[in-house]
């Protein structure tokens, strides 16, 4: 099974750009202590991340016939968001403190581990990335 695909790379670049932009705008809203601005910024970011993940994930599944239930995209999102979060902290942006970053890293990591278990179960239902039902019909 091909793990690193062009669509996953395109998603990673889009997510990286969007996450940096989100952290920057979030820093501005936190600086002016705007609750509405930080909430709106977070909601828009979450919706855009979902939409680009869905867009590239659907294209990737069709082009490469990959049955991974979105785990690769979840892993890439986790790595980008956590790394950018720590980078924003060390750059001095007012986004989160280290304790909040650690809690986010751990709790999201638990969710990612659960997703990985489901990914392994799904992989057990395939042969080299192809659904067994599609092969033996």
C-alpha atoms as a PDB file:
ATOM      1  CA  UNK A   1       0.000   0.000   0.000  1.00  0.00           C
ATOM      2  CA  UNK A   2       1.229   3.429  -0.910  1.00  0.00           C
ATOM      3  CA  UNK A   3       1.272   5.572   2.244  1.00  0.00           C
ATOM      4  CA  UNK A   4       2.728   8.868   1.056  1.00  0.00           C
ATOM      5  CA  UNK A   5       0.617  10.160  -1.800  1.00  0.00           C
ATOM      6  CA  UNK A   6       0.426  13.410  -3.728  1.00  0.00           C
ATOM      7  CA  UNK A   7      -2.977  14.212  -2.206  1.00  0.00           C
ATOM      8  CA  UNK A   8      -1.631  13.653   1.307  1.00  0.00           C
ATOM      9  CA  UNK A   9       1.235  16.023   0.482  1.00  0.00           C
ATOM     10  CA  UNK A  10      -1.179  18.618  -0.857  1.00  0.00           C
ATOM     11  CA  UNK A  11      -3.245  18.265   2.301  1.00  0.00           C
ATOM     12  CA  UNK A  12      -0.129  18.652   4.469  1.00  0.00           C
ATOM     13  CA  UNK A  13       0.909  21.848   2.683  1.00  0.00           C
ATOM     14  CA  UNK A  14      -2.622  23.265   2.917  1.00  0.00           C
ATOM     15  CA  UNK A  15      -2.908  22.297   6.583  1.00  0.00           C
ATOM     16  CA  UNK A  16       0.511  23.784   7.367  1.00  0.00           C
ATOM     17  CA  UNK A  17      -0.398  27.106   5.739  1.00  0.00           C
ATOM     18  CA  UNK A  18      -3.843  27.175   7.349  1.00  0.00           C
ATOM     19  CA  UNK A  19      -2.497  26.266  10.806  1.00  0.00           C
ATOM     20  CA  UNK A  20       0.177  28.969  10.723  1.00  0.00           C
ATOM     21  CA  UNK A  21      -2.428  31.499   9.615  1.00  0.00           C
ATOM     22  CA  UNK A  22      -4.808  30.295  12.352  1.00  0.00           C
ATOM     23  CA  UNK A  23      -2.164  30.590  15.080  1.00  0.00           C
ATOM     24  CA  UNK A  24      -1.201  34.074  13.893  1.00  0.00           C
ATOM     25  CA  UNK A  25      -4.797  35.342  13.788  1.00  0.00           C
ATOM     26  CA  UNK A  26      -5.575  33.640  17.095  1.00  0.00           C
ATOM     27  CA  UNK A  27      -2.579  35.440  18.622  1.00  0.00           C
ATOM     28  CA  UNK A  28      -3.962  38.771  17.407  1.00  0.00           C
ATOM     29  CA  UNK A  29      -7.419  38.114  18.860  1.00  0.00           C
ATOM     30  CA  UNK A  30      -5.975  36.939  22.167  1.00  0.00           C
ATOM     31  CA  UNK A  31      -3.830  40.089  22.259  1.00  0.00           C
ATOM     32  CA  UNK A  32      -6.932  42.297  22.057  1.00  0.00           C
ATOM     33  CA  UNK A  33      -8.842  39.922  24.380  1.00  0.00           C
ATOM     34  CA  UNK A  34     -11.677  39.308  21.935  1.00  0.00           C
ATOM     35  CA  UNK A  35     -13.663  36.231  22.957  1.00  0.00           C
ATOM     36  CA  UNK A  36     -15.889  36.450  19.886  1.00  0.00           C
ATOM     37  CA  UNK A  37     -12.857  36.775  17.605  1.00  0.00           C
ATOM     38  CA  UNK A  38     -11.026  33.799  19.113  1.00  0.00           C
ATOM     39  CA  UNK A  39     -14.171  31.664  19.016  1.00  0.00           C
ATOM     40  CA  UNK A  40     -14.989  32.617  15.425  1.00  0.00           C
ATOM     41  CA  UNK A  41     -11.379  32.069  14.367  1.00  0.00           C
ATOM     42  CA  UNK A  42     -11.366  28.596  15.944  1.00  0.00           C
ATOM     43  CA  UNK A  43     -14.683  27.571  14.381  1.00  0.00           C
ATOM     44  CA  UNK A  44     -13.645  28.762  10.913  1.00  0.00           C
ATOM     45  CA  UNK A  45     -10.305  26.950  11.246  1.00  0.00           C
ATOM     46  CA  UNK A  46     -11.972  23.688  12.310  1.00  0.00           C
ATOM     47  CA  UNK A  47     -14.452  23.862   9.419  1.00  0.00           C
ATOM     48  CA  UNK A  48     -11.752  24.650   6.860  1.00  0.00           C
ATOM     49  CA  UNK A  49      -9.508  21.841   8.133  1.00  0.00           C
ATOM     50  CA  UNK A  50     -12.412  19.411   7.902  1.00  0.00           C
ATOM     51  CA  UNK A  51     -13.256  20.531   4.376  1.00  0.00           C
ATOM     52  CA  UNK A  52      -9.706  20.308   3.021  1.00  0.00           C
ATOM     53  CA  UNK A  53      -9.239  16.922   4.714  1.00  0.00           C
ATOM     54  CA  UNK A  54     -12.473  15.679   3.225  1.00  0.00           C
ATOM     55  CA  UNK A  55     -11.614  17.081  -0.212  1.00  0.00           C
ATOM     56  CA  UNK A  56      -8.115  15.616  -0.433  1.00  0.00           C
ATOM     57  CA  UNK A  57      -9.102  12.424   1.389  1.00  0.00           C
ATOM     58  CA  UNK A  58     -11.880  11.631  -1.078  1.00  0.00           C
ATOM     59  CA  UNK A  59      -9.609  12.297  -4.041  1.00  0.00           C
ATOM     60  CA  UNK A  60      -6.857  10.184  -2.496  1.00  0.00           C
ATOM     61  CA  UNK A  61      -9.197   7.262  -1.846  1.00  0.00           C
ATOM     62  CA  UNK A  62     -10.460   7.321  -5.442  1.00  0.00           C
ATOM     63  CA  UNK A  63      -7.082   7.787  -7.123  1.00  0.00           C
ATOM     64  CA  UNK A  64      -5.138   5.310  -4.994  1.00  0.00           C
ATOM     65  CA  UNK A  65      -7.897   2.970  -3.738  1.00  0.00           C
ATOM     66  CA  UNK A  66      -6.619   3.257  -0.162  1.00  0.00           C
ATOM     67  CA  UNK A  67      -8.698   1.861   2.708  1.00  0.00           C
ATOM     68  CA  UNK A  68      -7.177   3.565   5.738  1.00  0.00           C
ATOM     69  CA  UNK A  69     -10.258   5.277   7.241  1.00  0.00           C
ATOM     70  CA  UNK A  70      -8.453   8.625   7.188  1.00  0.00           C
ATOM     71  CA  UNK A  71      -5.722   7.684   9.656  1.00  0.00           C
ATOM     72  CA  UNK A  72      -2.879   9.123   7.550  1.00  0.00           C
ATOM     73  CA  UNK A  73      -4.662  12.476   7.331  1.00  0.00           C
ATOM     74  CA  UNK A  74      -5.367  12.430  11.075  1.00  0.00           C
ATOM     75  CA  UNK A  75      -1.706  11.690  11.825  1.00  0.00           C
ATOM     76  CA  UNK A  76      -0.475  14.481   9.540  1.00  0.00           C
ATOM     77  CA  UNK A  77      -2.956  16.929  11.089  1.00  0.00           C
ATOM     78  CA  UNK A  78      -1.825  15.937  14.587  1.00  0.00           C
ATOM     79  CA  UNK A  79       1.862  16.392  13.776  1.00  0.00           C
ATOM     80  CA  UNK A  80       1.353  19.745  12.060  1.00  0.00           C
ATOM     81  CA  UNK A  81      -0.956  21.207  14.710  1.00  0.00           C
ATOM     82  CA  UNK A  82       1.164  20.088  17.653  1.00  0.00           C
ATOM     83  CA  UNK A  83       4.455  21.232  16.080  1.00  0.00           C
ATOM     84  CA  UNK A  84       3.004  24.607  15.081  1.00  0.00           C
ATOM     85  CA  UNK A  85       1.492  24.959  18.568  1.00  0.00           C
ATOM     86  CA  UNK A  86       4.873  24.478  20.233  1.00  0.00           C
ATOM     87  CA  UNK A  87       6.559  26.727  17.655  1.00  0.00           C
ATOM     88  CA  UNK A  88       4.000  29.466  18.344  1.00  0.00           C
ATOM     89  CA  UNK A  89       4.691  29.151  22.067  1.00  0.00           C
ATOM     90  CA  UNK A  90       8.449  29.405  21.626  1.00  0.00           C
ATOM     91  CA  UNK A  91       8.031  32.351  19.228  1.00  0.00           C
ATOM     92  CA  UNK A  92       6.281  34.185  22.044  1.00  0.00           C
ATOM     93  CA  UNK A  93       2.796  34.227  20.580  1.00  0.00           C
ATOM     94  CA  UNK A  94       0.036  34.330  23.199  1.00  0.00           C
ATOM     95  CA  UNK A  95      -1.820  31.259  21.946  1.00  0.00           C
ATOM     96  CA  UNK A  96      -1.335  28.653  24.701  1.00  0.00           C
ATOM     97  CA  UNK A  97       0.877  27.915  27.680  1.00  0.00           C
ATOM     98  CA  UNK A  98       3.027  24.778  27.930  1.00  0.00           C
ATOM     99  CA  UNK A  99       0.577  23.009  30.229  1.00  0.00           C
ATOM    100  CA  UNK A 100      -2.291  23.494  27.772  1.00  0.00           C
ATOM    101  CA  UNK A 101      -0.054  22.315  24.918  1.00  0.00           C
ATOM    102  CA  UNK A 102       0.902  19.188  26.862  1.00  0.00           C
ATOM    103  CA  UNK A 103      -2.735  18.418  27.696  1.00  0.00           C
ATOM    104  CA  UNK A 104      -3.692  18.890  24.042  1.00  0.00           C
ATOM    105  CA  UNK A 105      -0.818  16.699  22.885  1.00  0.00           C
ATOM    106  CA  UNK A 106      -1.702  13.895  25.284  1.00  0.00           C
ATOM    107  CA  UNK A 107      -5.482  13.967  24.846  1.00  0.00           C
ATOM    108  CA  UNK A 108      -5.301  14.240  21.068  1.00  0.00           C
ATOM    109  CA  UNK A 109      -2.630  11.524  21.112  1.00  0.00           C
ATOM    110  CA  UNK A 110      -5.040   9.205  22.928  1.00  0.00           C
ATOM    111  CA  UNK A 111      -7.657   9.908  20.254  1.00  0.00           C
ATOM    112  CA  UNK A 112      -5.056   9.234  17.578  1.00  0.00           C
ATOM    113  CA  UNK A 113      -4.110   5.941  19.257  1.00  0.00           C
ATOM    114  CA  UNK A 114      -7.769   4.878  19.229  1.00  0.00           C
ATOM    115  CA  UNK A 115      -7.980   5.827  15.561  1.00  0.00           C
ATOM    116  CA  UNK A 116      -4.838   3.736  14.959  1.00  0.00           C
ATOM    117  CA  UNK A 117      -6.535   0.694  16.521  1.00  0.00           C
ATOM    118  CA  UNK A 118      -9.484   1.111  14.149  1.00  0.00           C
ATOM    119  CA  UNK A 119      -7.009   1.576  11.292  1.00  0.00           C
ATOM    120  CA  UNK A 120      -5.343  -1.742  12.164  1.00  0.00           C
ATOM    121  CA  UNK A 121      -8.728  -3.464  12.296  1.00  0.00           C
ATOM    122  CA  UNK A 122      -9.588  -2.044   8.874  1.00  0.00           C
ATOM    123  CA  UNK A 123      -6.219  -3.129   7.482  1.00  0.00           C
ATOM    124  CA  UNK A 124      -6.984  -6.671   8.652  1.00  0.00           C
ATOM    125  CA  UNK A 125      -9.961  -6.610   6.288  1.00  0.00           C
ATOM    126  CA  UNK A 126      -7.783  -5.809   3.256  1.00  0.00           C
ATOM    127  CA  UNK A 127      -5.096  -7.487   1.179  1.00  0.00           C
ATOM    128  CA  UNK A 128      -2.357  -5.041   0.142  1.00  0.00           C
ATOM    129  CA  UNK A 129      -4.782  -2.152   0.559  1.00  0.00           C
ATOM    130  CA  UNK A 130      -7.634  -3.706  -1.452  1.00  0.00           C
ATOM    131  CA  UNK A 131     -10.873  -4.762   0.235  1.00  0.00           C
ATOM    132  CA  UNK A 132     -11.138  -8.563   0.400  1.00  0.00           C
ATOM    133  CA  UNK A 133     -14.761  -8.357  -0.781  1.00  0.00           C
ATOM    134  CA  UNK A 134     -13.652  -6.548  -3.951  1.00  0.00           C
ATOM    135  CA  UNK A 135     -10.996  -9.178  -4.717  1.00  0.00           C
ATOM    136  CA  UNK A 136     -13.019 -12.340  -4.101  1.00  0.00           C
ATOM    137  CA  UNK A 137     -16.280 -11.438  -5.824  1.00  0.00           C
END
